[in-house]
Amino acid sequence: MDCLDFVQNGSRVAAAPGGCCSALKKVVKTEASCLCESFKSSADFGVALNMTRALSLPSSCGISIPFLGDCKSKEKT
């Protein structure tokens, strides 16, 4: 949730907040694989993500997650 202000559509937040980065680091240590699924499923929970920002989040926080570039949001049909 700390990252939502940075990654949601229309955000004008220039950089990921510190709380976001510390929370992201914890997730990466315990459940890194859930990040892609979270990004893909965000629309199901009423959250519209800016995927460019979402996928840049780890590098903004100085974290390397190589597989994250393969994430794509789920298309609504």
PDB file of N, CA and C in Angstrom:
ATOM      1  N   MET A   1       0.812  -1.194   0.000  1.00  0.00           N
ATOM      2  CA  MET A   1       0.000   0.000   0.000  1.00  0.00           C
ATOM      3  C   MET A   1       0.857   1.260   0.000  1.00  0.00           C
ATOM      4  N   ASP A   2       2.038   1.189   0.580  1.00  0.00           N
ATOM      5  CA  ASP A   2       2.910   2.364   0.601  1.00  0.00           C
ATOM      6  C   ASP A   2       3.331   2.777  -0.803  1.00  0.00           C
ATOM      7  N   CYS A   3       3.254   1.852  -1.737  1.00  0.00           N
ATOM      8  CA  CYS A   3       3.705   2.124  -3.101  1.00  0.00           C
ATOM      9  C   CYS A   3       2.587   2.626  -4.002  1.00  0.00           C
ATOM     10  N   LEU A   4       1.363   2.516  -3.568  1.00  0.00           N
ATOM     11  CA  LEU A   4       0.222   2.821  -4.426  1.00  0.00           C
ATOM     12  C   LEU A   4       0.245   4.247  -4.956  1.00  0.00           C
ATOM     13  N   ASP A   5       0.609   5.201  -4.126  1.00  0.00           N
ATOM     14  CA  ASP A   5       0.649   6.590  -4.589  1.00  0.00           C
ATOM     15  C   ASP A   5       1.610   6.771  -5.758  1.00  0.00           C
ATOM     16  N   PHE A   6       2.647   5.974  -5.822  1.00  0.00           N
ATOM     17  CA  PHE A   6       3.638   6.073  -6.894  1.00  0.00           C
ATOM     18  C   PHE A   6       3.210   5.332  -8.155  1.00  0.00           C
ATOM     19  N   VAL A   7       2.568   4.179  -8.024  1.00  0.00           N
ATOM     20  CA  VAL A   7       2.320   3.312  -9.185  1.00  0.00           C
ATOM     21  C   VAL A   7       0.921   3.407  -9.787  1.00  0.00           C
ATOM     22  N   GLN A   8      -0.023   4.075  -9.142  1.00  0.00           N
ATOM     23  CA  GLN A   8      -1.370   4.123  -9.715  1.00  0.00           C
ATOM     24  C   GLN A   8      -1.431   5.106 -10.878  1.00  0.00           C
ATOM     25  N   ASN A   9      -2.344   4.850 -11.797  1.00  0.00           N
ATOM     26  CA  ASN A   9      -2.541   5.729 -12.950  1.00  0.00           C
ATOM     27  C   ASN A   9      -2.811   7.144 -12.480  1.00  0.00           C
ATOM     28  N   GLY A  10      -2.196   8.101 -13.160  1.00  0.00           N
ATOM     29  CA  GLY A  10      -2.412   9.504 -12.849  1.00  0.00           C
ATOM     30  C   GLY A  10      -1.557  10.045 -11.726  1.00  0.00           C
ATOM     31  N   SER A  11      -0.704   9.207 -11.146  1.00  0.00           N
ATOM     32  CA  SER A  11       0.131   9.651 -10.031  1.00  0.00           C
ATOM     33  C   SER A  11       1.094  10.746 -10.476  1.00  0.00           C
ATOM     34  N   ARG A  12       1.264  11.724  -9.617  1.00  0.00           N
ATOM     35  CA  ARG A  12       2.229  12.792  -9.862  1.00  0.00           C
ATOM     36  C   ARG A  12       3.392  12.705  -8.867  1.00  0.00           C
ATOM     37  N   VAL A  13       3.437  11.618  -8.104  1.00  0.00           N
ATOM     38  CA  VAL A  13       4.519  11.400  -7.148  1.00  0.00           C
ATOM     39  C   VAL A  13       5.790  11.110  -7.951  1.00  0.00           C
ATOM     40  N   ALA A  14       6.838  11.886  -7.695  1.00  0.00           N
ATOM     41  CA  ALA A  14       8.052  11.815  -8.500  1.00  0.00           C
ATOM     42  C   ALA A  14       8.917  10.587  -8.227  1.00  0.00           C
ATOM     43  N   ALA A  15       8.893  10.078  -7.010  1.00  0.00           N
ATOM     44  CA  ALA A  15       9.751   8.948  -6.648  1.00  0.00           C
ATOM     45  C   ALA A  15       9.020   8.058  -5.647  1.00  0.00           C
ATOM     46  N   ALA A  16       9.425   6.814  -5.608  1.00  0.00           N
ATOM     47  CA  ALA A  16       8.840   5.868  -4.656  1.00  0.00           C
ATOM     48  C   ALA A  16       9.181   6.319  -3.232  1.00  0.00           C
ATOM     49  N   PRO A  17       8.177   6.419  -2.360  1.00  0.00           N
ATOM     50  CA  PRO A  17       8.432   6.820  -0.971  1.00  0.00           C
ATOM     51  C   PRO A  17       9.295   5.784  -0.247  1.00  0.00           C
ATOM     52  N   GLY A  18      10.024   6.218   0.761  1.00  0.00           N
ATOM     53  CA  GLY A  18      10.897   5.328   1.519  1.00  0.00           C
ATOM     54  C   GLY A  18      10.161   4.138   2.109  1.00  0.00           C
ATOM     55  N   GLY A  19       8.953   4.349   2.613  1.00  0.00           N
ATOM     56  CA  GLY A  19       8.171   3.249   3.177  1.00  0.00           C
ATOM     57  C   GLY A  19       7.839   2.211   2.133  1.00  0.00           C
ATOM     58  N   CYS A  20       7.644   2.670   0.920  1.00  0.00           N
ATOM     59  CA  CYS A  20       7.370   1.763  -0.190  1.00  0.00           C
ATOM     60  C   CYS A  20       8.580   0.862  -0.432  1.00  0.00           C
ATOM     61  N   CYS A  21       9.743   1.461  -0.502  1.00  0.00           N
ATOM     62  CA  CYS A  21      10.954   0.686  -0.785  1.00  0.00           C
ATOM     63  C   CYS A  21      11.262  -0.325   0.314  1.00  0.00           C
ATOM     64  N   SER A  22      11.086   0.065   1.569  1.00  0.00           N
ATOM     65  CA  SER A  22      11.360  -0.883   2.652  1.00  0.00           C
ATOM     66  C   SER A  22      10.355  -2.035   2.619  1.00  0.00           C
ATOM     67  N   ALA A  23       9.079  -1.733   2.317  1.00  0.00           N
ATOM     68  CA  ALA A  23       8.078  -2.796   2.209  1.00  0.00           C
ATOM     69  C   ALA A  23       8.371  -3.702   1.018  1.00  0.00           C
ATOM     70  N   LEU A  24       8.786  -3.118  -0.097  1.00  0.00           N
ATOM     71  CA  LEU A  24       9.115  -3.902  -1.289  1.00  0.00           C
ATOM     72  C   LEU A  24      10.283  -4.841  -1.010  1.00  0.00           C
ATOM     73  N   LYS A  25      11.276  -4.375  -0.295  1.00  0.00           N
ATOM     74  CA  LYS A  25      12.426  -5.214   0.043  1.00  0.00           C
ATOM     75  C   LYS A  25      11.991  -6.426   0.861  1.00  0.00           C
ATOM     76  N   LYS A  26      11.065  -6.234   1.793  1.00  0.00           N
ATOM     77  CA  LYS A  26      10.569  -7.351   2.597  1.00  0.00           C
ATOM     78  C   LYS A  26       9.829  -8.361   1.725  1.00  0.00           C
ATOM     79  N   VAL A  27       9.003  -7.865   0.807  1.00  0.00           N
ATOM     80  CA  VAL A  27       8.258  -8.758  -0.086  1.00  0.00           C
ATOM     81  C   VAL A  27       9.216  -9.545  -0.961  1.00  0.00           C
ATOM     82  N   VAL A  28      10.226  -8.885  -1.492  1.00  0.00           N
ATOM     83  CA  VAL A  28      11.194  -9.555  -2.365  1.00  0.00           C
ATOM     84  C   VAL A  28      11.922 -10.672  -1.620  1.00  0.00           C
ATOM     85  N   LYS A  29      12.217 -10.456  -0.348  1.00  0.00           N
ATOM     86  CA  LYS A  29      12.917 -11.475   0.444  1.00  0.00           C
ATOM     87  C   LYS A  29      12.032 -12.689   0.722  1.00  0.00           C
ATOM     88  N   THR A  30      10.730 -12.476   0.851  1.00  0.00           N
ATOM     89  CA  THR A  30       9.861 -13.578   1.257  1.00  0.00           C
ATOM     90  C   THR A  30       8.993 -14.144   0.134  1.00  0.00           C
ATOM     91  N   GLU A  31       8.451 -13.291  -0.716  1.00  0.00           N
ATOM     92  CA  GLU A  31       7.496 -13.738  -1.741  1.00  0.00           C
ATOM     93  C   GLU A  31       7.669 -12.960  -3.045  1.00  0.00           C
ATOM     94  N   ALA A  32       8.858 -12.924  -3.591  1.00  0.00           N
ATOM     95  CA  ALA A  32       9.107 -12.145  -4.804  1.00  0.00           C
ATOM     96  C   ALA A  32       8.203 -12.554  -5.962  1.00  0.00           C
ATOM     97  N   SER A  33       7.879 -13.815  -6.058  1.00  0.00           N
ATOM     98  CA  SER A  33       7.067 -14.289  -7.178  1.00  0.00           C
ATOM     99  C   SER A  33       5.649 -13.735  -7.163  1.00  0.00           C
ATOM    100  N   CYS A  34       5.180 -13.270  -6.016  1.00  0.00           N
ATOM    101  CA  CYS A  34       3.813 -12.746  -5.946  1.00  0.00           C
ATOM    102  C   CYS A  34       3.697 -11.351  -6.556  1.00  0.00           C
ATOM    103  N   LEU A  35       4.801 -10.672  -6.809  1.00  0.00           N
ATOM    104  CA  LEU A  35       4.732  -9.324  -7.360  1.00  0.00           C
ATOM    105  C   LEU A  35       4.077  -9.297  -8.736  1.00  0.00           C
ATOM    106  N   CYS A  36       4.481 -10.192  -9.614  1.00  0.00           N
ATOM    107  CA  CYS A  36       3.872 -10.237 -10.947  1.00  0.00           C
ATOM    108  C   CYS A  36       2.375 -10.472 -10.844  1.00  0.00           C
ATOM    109  N   GLU A  37       1.989 -11.423 -10.038  1.00  0.00           N
ATOM    110  CA  GLU A  37       0.568 -11.731  -9.899  1.00  0.00           C
ATOM    111  C   GLU A  37      -0.191 -10.540  -9.326  1.00  0.00           C
ATOM    112  N   SER A  38       0.403  -9.841  -8.396  1.00  0.00           N
ATOM    113  CA  SER A  38      -0.230  -8.651  -7.826  1.00  0.00           C
ATOM    114  C   SER A  38      -0.425  -7.578  -8.886  1.00  0.00           C
ATOM    115  N   PHE A  39       0.574  -7.359  -9.694  1.00  0.00           N
ATOM    116  CA  PHE A  39       0.462  -6.370 -10.760  1.00  0.00           C
ATOM    117  C   PHE A  39      -0.609  -6.776 -11.765  1.00  0.00           C
ATOM    118  N   LYS A  40      -0.601  -8.048 -12.143  1.00  0.00           N
ATOM    119  CA  LYS A  40      -1.562  -8.533 -13.140  1.00  0.00           C
ATOM    120  C   LYS A  40      -3.000  -8.455 -12.631  1.00  0.00           C
ATOM    121  N   SER A  41      -3.187  -8.683 -11.352  1.00  0.00           N
ATOM    122  CA  SER A  41      -4.532  -8.752 -10.782  1.00  0.00           C
ATOM    123  C   SER A  41      -5.027  -7.439 -10.197  1.00  0.00           C
ATOM    124  N   SER A  42      -4.255  -6.398 -10.284  1.00  0.00           N
ATOM    125  CA  SER A  42      -4.627  -5.139  -9.627  1.00  0.00           C
ATOM    126  C   SER A  42      -5.989  -4.618 -10.092  1.00  0.00           C
ATOM    127  N   ALA A  43      -6.314  -4.752 -11.365  1.00  0.00           N
ATOM    128  CA  ALA A  43      -7.595  -4.262 -11.882  1.00  0.00           C
ATOM    129  C   ALA A  43      -8.770  -5.012 -11.257  1.00  0.00           C
ATOM    130  N   ASP A  44      -8.567  -6.269 -10.900  1.00  0.00           N
ATOM    131  CA  ASP A  44      -9.621  -7.049 -10.255  1.00  0.00           C
ATOM    132  C   ASP A  44     -10.005  -6.471  -8.896  1.00  0.00           C
ATOM    133  N   PHE A  45      -9.104  -5.693  -8.313  1.00  0.00           N
ATOM    134  CA  PHE A  45      -9.344  -5.097  -7.000  1.00  0.00           C
ATOM    135  C   PHE A  45      -9.649  -3.601  -7.105  1.00  0.00           C
ATOM    136  N   GLY A  46      -9.925  -3.146  -8.338  1.00  0.00           N
ATOM    137  CA  GLY A  46     -10.288  -1.753  -8.547  1.00  0.00           C
ATOM    138  C   GLY A  46      -9.130  -0.782  -8.531  1.00  0.00           C
ATOM    139  N   VAL A  47      -7.921  -1.291  -8.732  1.00  0.00           N
ATOM    140  CA  VAL A  47      -6.732  -0.439  -8.734  1.00  0.00           C
ATOM    141  C   VAL A  47      -6.175  -0.388 -10.153  1.00  0.00           C
ATOM    142  N   ALA A  48      -6.102   0.790 -10.721  1.00  0.00           N
ATOM    143  CA  ALA A  48      -5.539   0.965 -12.058  1.00  0.00           C
ATOM    144  C   ALA A  48      -4.072   1.366 -11.917  1.00  0.00           C
ATOM    145  N   LEU A  49      -3.192   0.455 -12.320  1.00  0.00           N
ATOM    146  CA  LEU A  49      -1.762   0.723 -12.202  1.00  0.00           C
ATOM    147  C   LEU A  49      -1.193   1.306 -13.476  1.00  0.00           C
ATOM    148  N   ASN A  50      -0.209   2.146 -13.322  1.00  0.00           N
ATOM    149  CA  ASN A  50       0.637   2.575 -14.415  1.00  0.00           C
ATOM    150  C   ASN A  50       1.732   1.505 -14.459  1.00  0.00           C
ATOM    151  N   MET A  51       1.617   0.573 -15.402  1.00  0.00           N
ATOM    152  CA  MET A  51       2.542  -0.569 -15.423  1.00  0.00           C
ATOM    153  C   MET A  51       3.986  -0.151 -15.643  1.00  0.00           C
ATOM    154  N   THR A  52       4.208   0.924 -16.365  1.00  0.00           N
ATOM    155  CA  THR A  52       5.578   1.405 -16.549  1.00  0.00           C
ATOM    156  C   THR A  52       6.185   1.768 -15.205  1.00  0.00           C
ATOM    157  N   ARG A  53       5.416   2.489 -14.398  1.00  0.00           N
ATOM    158  CA  ARG A  53       5.901   2.850 -13.058  1.00  0.00           C
ATOM    159  C   ARG A  53       6.009   1.626 -12.152  1.00  0.00           C
ATOM    160  N   ALA A  54       5.018   0.747 -12.221  1.00  0.00           N
ATOM    161  CA  ALA A  54       5.039  -0.445 -11.372  1.00  0.00           C
ATOM    162  C   ALA A  54       6.266  -1.295 -11.666  1.00  0.00           C
ATOM    163  N   LEU A  55       6.564  -1.480 -12.943  1.00  0.00           N
ATOM    164  CA  LEU A  55       7.711  -2.308 -13.316  1.00  0.00           C
ATOM    165  C   LEU A  55       9.041  -1.618 -13.046  1.00  0.00           C
ATOM    166  N   SER A  56       9.035  -0.296 -12.922  1.00  0.00           N
ATOM    167  CA  SER A  56      10.265   0.428 -12.604  1.00  0.00           C
ATOM    168  C   SER A  56      10.482   0.563 -11.100  1.00  0.00           C
ATOM    169  N   LEU A  57       9.500   0.158 -10.328  1.00  0.00           N
ATOM    170  CA  LEU A  57       9.565   0.299  -8.877  1.00  0.00           C
ATOM    171  C   LEU A  57      10.818  -0.336  -8.257  1.00  0.00           C
ATOM    172  N   PRO A  58      11.146  -1.583  -8.589  1.00  0.00           N
ATOM    173  CA  PRO A  58      12.355  -2.156  -7.984  1.00  0.00           C
ATOM    174  C   PRO A  58      13.618  -1.337  -8.272  1.00  0.00           C
ATOM    175  N   SER A  59      13.806  -0.897  -9.514  1.00  0.00           N
ATOM    176  CA  SER A  59      15.010  -0.110  -9.803  1.00  0.00           C
ATOM    177  C   SER A  59      14.969   1.239  -9.093  1.00  0.00           C
ATOM    178  N   SER A  60      13.775   1.810  -8.936  1.00  0.00           N
ATOM    179  CA  SER A  60      13.637   3.061  -8.186  1.00  0.00           C
ATOM    180  C   SER A  60      14.054   2.881  -6.737  1.00  0.00           C
ATOM    181  N   CYS A  61      13.871   1.667  -6.232  1.00  0.00           N
ATOM    182  CA  CYS A  61      14.218   1.358  -4.844  1.00  0.00           C
ATOM    183  C   CYS A  61      15.602   0.707  -4.714  1.00  0.00           C
ATOM    184  N   GLY A  62      16.311   0.543  -5.837  1.00  0.00           N
ATOM    185  CA  GLY A  62      17.632  -0.063  -5.790  1.00  0.00           C
ATOM    186  C   GLY A  62      17.604  -1.564  -5.574  1.00  0.00           C
ATOM    187  N   ILE A  63      16.543  -2.221  -6.059  1.00  0.00           N
ATOM    188  CA  ILE A  63      16.368  -3.659  -5.896  1.00  0.00           C
ATOM    189  C   ILE A  63      16.388  -4.312  -7.276  1.00  0.00           C
ATOM    190  N   SER A  64      17.049  -5.432  -7.403  1.00  0.00           N
ATOM    191  CA  SER A  64      17.090  -6.153  -8.671  1.00  0.00           C
ATOM    192  C   SER A  64      16.126  -7.336  -8.632  1.00  0.00           C
ATOM    193  N   ILE A  65      15.162  -7.324  -9.551  1.00  0.00           N
ATOM    194  CA  ILE A  65      14.231  -8.437  -9.710  1.00  0.00           C
ATOM    195  C   ILE A  65      14.142  -8.711 -11.207  1.00  0.00           C
ATOM    196  N   PRO A  66      15.046  -9.530 -11.748  1.00  0.00           N
ATOM    197  CA  PRO A  66      15.143  -9.724 -13.199  1.00  0.00           C
ATOM    198  C   PRO A  66      13.853 -10.163 -13.887  1.00  0.00           C
ATOM    199  N   PHE A  67      13.070 -11.042 -13.289  1.00  0.00           N
ATOM    200  CA  PHE A  67      11.884 -11.578 -13.953  1.00  0.00           C
ATOM    201  C   PHE A  67      10.737 -10.584 -14.016  1.00  0.00           C
ATOM    202  N   LEU A  68      10.795  -9.508 -13.276  1.00  0.00           N
ATOM    203  CA  LEU A  68       9.676  -8.585 -13.192  1.00  0.00           C
ATOM    204  C   LEU A  68       9.360  -7.935 -14.539  1.00  0.00           C
ATOM    205  N   GLY A  69      10.337  -7.794 -15.398  1.00  0.00           N
ATOM    206  CA  GLY A  69      10.107  -7.223 -16.714  1.00  0.00           C
ATOM    207  C   GLY A  69       9.180  -8.058 -17.580  1.00  0.00           C
ATOM    208  N   ASP A  70       8.962  -9.314 -17.221  1.00  0.00           N
ATOM    209  CA  ASP A  70       8.086 -10.196 -17.980  1.00  0.00           C
ATOM    210  C   ASP A  70       6.619 -10.067 -17.568  1.00  0.00           C
ATOM    211  N   CYS A  71       6.321  -9.269 -16.563  1.00  0.00           N
ATOM    212  CA  CYS A  71       4.944  -9.119 -16.098  1.00  0.00           C
ATOM    213  C   CYS A  71       4.142  -8.299 -17.096  1.00  0.00           C
ATOM    214  N   LYS A  72       2.921  -8.714 -17.277  1.00  0.00           N
ATOM    215  CA  LYS A  72       1.987  -7.962 -18.119  1.00  0.00           C
ATOM    216  C   LYS A  72       0.678  -7.885 -17.354  1.00  0.00           C
ATOM    217  N   SER A  73      -0.018  -6.775 -17.477  1.00  0.00           N
ATOM    218  CA  SER A  73      -1.310  -6.701 -16.795  1.00  0.00           C
ATOM    219  C   SER A  73      -2.320  -7.545 -17.548  1.00  0.00           C
ATOM    220  N   LYS A  74      -3.261  -8.049 -16.831  1.00  0.00           N
ATOM    221  CA  LYS A  74      -4.307  -8.885 -17.408  1.00  0.00           C
ATOM    222  C   LYS A  74      -5.276  -7.982 -18.169  1.00  0.00           C
ATOM    223  N   GLU A  75      -5.572  -8.338 -19.398  1.00  0.00           N
ATOM    224  CA  GLU A  75      -6.486  -7.548 -20.212  1.00  0.00           C
ATOM    225  C   GLU A  75      -7.909  -7.883 -19.845  1.00  0.00           C
ATOM    226  N   LYS A  76      -8.733  -6.870 -19.683  1.00  0.00           N
ATOM    227  CA  LYS A  76     -10.167  -7.089 -19.450  1.00  0.00           C
ATOM    228  C   LYS A  76     -10.841  -7.332 -20.767  1.00  0.00           C
ATOM    229  N   THR A  77     -11.723  -8.332 -20.833  1.00  0.00           N
ATOM    230  CA  THR A  77     -12.454  -8.605 -22.064  1.00  0.00           C
ATOM    231  C   THR A  77     -13.919  -8.352 -21.874  1.00  0.00           C
TER     232      THR A  77
END
